[in-house]
Amino acid sequence: MKVNVDQGRCCGAGQCVLIAPEVFDQRDEDGIVTLLEPSPAEGLQAAVREAAAVCPASAITIDDDQ
């Protein structure tokens, strides 16, 4: 799994950080998502998929070919 975030699309809702804090964080100055772990361990992948699904801006994408 390879995770990508589009900071230009992010609206700063923060749901991703609540669901998968090991993978996502937010910038202090504006709340925009930052990616901590682009290739999360198998144990985190379900949470990452949930975070992508609930993102209101669709700023998180997942590439399963990686």
C-alpha atoms as a PDB file:
ATOM      1  CA  MET A   1       0.000   0.000   0.000  1.00  0.00           C
ATOM      2  CA  LYS A   2       1.187   3.476  -0.923  1.00  0.00           C
ATOM      3  CA  VAL A   3      -0.659   6.456   0.551  1.00  0.00           C
ATOM      4  CA  ASN A   4      -0.778   9.869  -1.099  1.00  0.00           C
ATOM      5  CA  VAL A   5      -2.237  13.122   0.170  1.00  0.00           C
ATOM      6  CA  ASP A   6      -3.184  16.160  -1.870  1.00  0.00           C
ATOM      7  CA  GLN A   7      -2.562  19.096   0.441  1.00  0.00           C
ATOM      8  CA  GLY A   8      -4.208  21.400  -2.087  1.00  0.00           C
ATOM      9  CA  ARG A   9      -7.509  19.547  -1.671  1.00  0.00           C
ATOM     10  CA  CYS A  10      -7.320  19.149   2.113  1.00  0.00           C
ATOM     11  CA  CYS A  11      -9.890  21.195   4.049  1.00  0.00           C
ATOM     12  CA  GLY A  12      -8.361  20.499   7.470  1.00  0.00           C
ATOM     13  CA  ALA A  13     -11.255  18.455   8.879  1.00  0.00           C
ATOM     14  CA  GLY A  14      -8.773  16.229  10.742  1.00  0.00           C
ATOM     15  CA  GLN A  15     -10.731  12.979  10.552  1.00  0.00           C
ATOM     16  CA  CYS A  16      -7.679  11.202   9.146  1.00  0.00           C
ATOM     17  CA  VAL A  17      -5.608  12.163  12.183  1.00  0.00           C
ATOM     18  CA  LEU A  18      -8.284  10.904  14.560  1.00  0.00           C
ATOM     19  CA  ILE A  19      -8.560   7.581  12.718  1.00  0.00           C
ATOM     20  CA  ALA A  20      -4.881   6.935  11.894  1.00  0.00           C
ATOM     21  CA  PRO A  21      -2.580   9.211  13.930  1.00  0.00           C
ATOM     22  CA  GLU A  22       0.421   7.003  13.149  1.00  0.00           C
ATOM     23  CA  VAL A  23       0.030   7.823   9.460  1.00  0.00           C
ATOM     24  CA  PHE A  24      -1.435  11.353   9.323  1.00  0.00           C
ATOM     25  CA  ASP A  25      -0.853  14.637  11.121  1.00  0.00           C
ATOM     26  CA  GLN A  26      -1.922  18.246  10.593  1.00  0.00           C
ATOM     27  CA  ARG A  27       0.184  21.352  10.186  1.00  0.00           C
ATOM     28  CA  ASP A  28      -0.099  23.619  13.210  1.00  0.00           C
ATOM     29  CA  GLU A  29      -0.509  26.797  11.198  1.00  0.00           C
ATOM     30  CA  ASP A  30      -3.480  25.792   9.027  1.00  0.00           C
ATOM     31  CA  GLY A  31      -4.581  22.228   9.848  1.00  0.00           C
ATOM     32  CA  ILE A  32      -3.632  20.838   6.443  1.00  0.00           C
ATOM     33  CA  VAL A  33      -2.814  17.130   6.398  1.00  0.00           C
ATOM     34  CA  THR A  34       0.767  15.885   6.448  1.00  0.00           C
ATOM     35  CA  LEU A  35       1.731  12.322   5.666  1.00  0.00           C
ATOM     36  CA  LEU A  36       3.893  10.653   8.304  1.00  0.00           C
ATOM     37  CA  GLU A  37       4.034   7.158   6.801  1.00  0.00           C
ATOM     38  CA  PRO A  38       3.517   6.730   3.036  1.00  0.00           C
ATOM     39  CA  SER A  39       3.797   2.921   3.252  1.00  0.00           C
ATOM     40  CA  PRO A  40       1.956   1.931   6.437  1.00  0.00           C
ATOM     41  CA  ALA A  41       2.359  -1.478   8.032  1.00  0.00           C
ATOM     42  CA  GLU A  42      -0.349  -4.049   7.430  1.00  0.00           C
ATOM     43  CA  GLY A  43      -1.832  -3.459  10.874  1.00  0.00           C
ATOM     44  CA  LEU A  44      -2.548   0.181  10.006  1.00  0.00           C
ATOM     45  CA  GLN A  45      -3.966  -0.336   6.536  1.00  0.00           C
ATOM     46  CA  ALA A  46      -7.611  -0.758   7.560  1.00  0.00           C
ATOM     47  CA  ALA A  47      -7.485   2.545   9.461  1.00  0.00           C
ATOM     48  CA  VAL A  48      -5.862   4.259   6.475  1.00  0.00           C
ATOM     49  CA  ARG A  49      -8.619   2.988   4.183  1.00  0.00           C
ATOM     50  CA  GLU A  50     -11.230   4.297   6.614  1.00  0.00           C
ATOM     51  CA  ALA A  51      -9.479   7.674   6.784  1.00  0.00           C
ATOM     52  CA  ALA A  52      -9.487   7.917   2.993  1.00  0.00           C
ATOM     53  CA  ALA A  53     -13.164   6.954   2.872  1.00  0.00           C
ATOM     54  CA  VAL A  54     -14.282   9.613   5.368  1.00  0.00           C
ATOM     55  CA  CYS A  55     -12.114  12.445   4.052  1.00  0.00           C
ATOM     56  CA  PRO A  56     -14.624  15.145   3.018  1.00  0.00           C
ATOM     57  CA  ALA A  57     -12.233  16.575   0.424  1.00  0.00           C
ATOM     58  CA  SER A  58     -11.075  13.224  -1.009  1.00  0.00           C
ATOM     59  CA  ALA A  59      -7.521  14.398  -0.347  1.00  0.00           C
ATOM     60  CA  ILE A  60      -6.240  10.895   0.522  1.00  0.00           C
ATOM     61  CA  THR A  61      -5.633   8.313  -2.173  1.00  0.00           C
ATOM     62  CA  ILE A  62      -4.332   4.775  -1.891  1.00  0.00           C
ATOM     63  CA  ASP A  63      -2.321   2.823  -4.430  1.00  0.00           C
ATOM     64  CA  ASP A  64      -2.546  -0.896  -3.709  1.00  0.00           C
ATOM     65  CA  ASP A  65      -0.017  -1.800  -6.421  1.00  0.00           C
ATOM     66  CA  GLN A  66       2.899  -0.701  -4.230  1.00  0.00           C
END
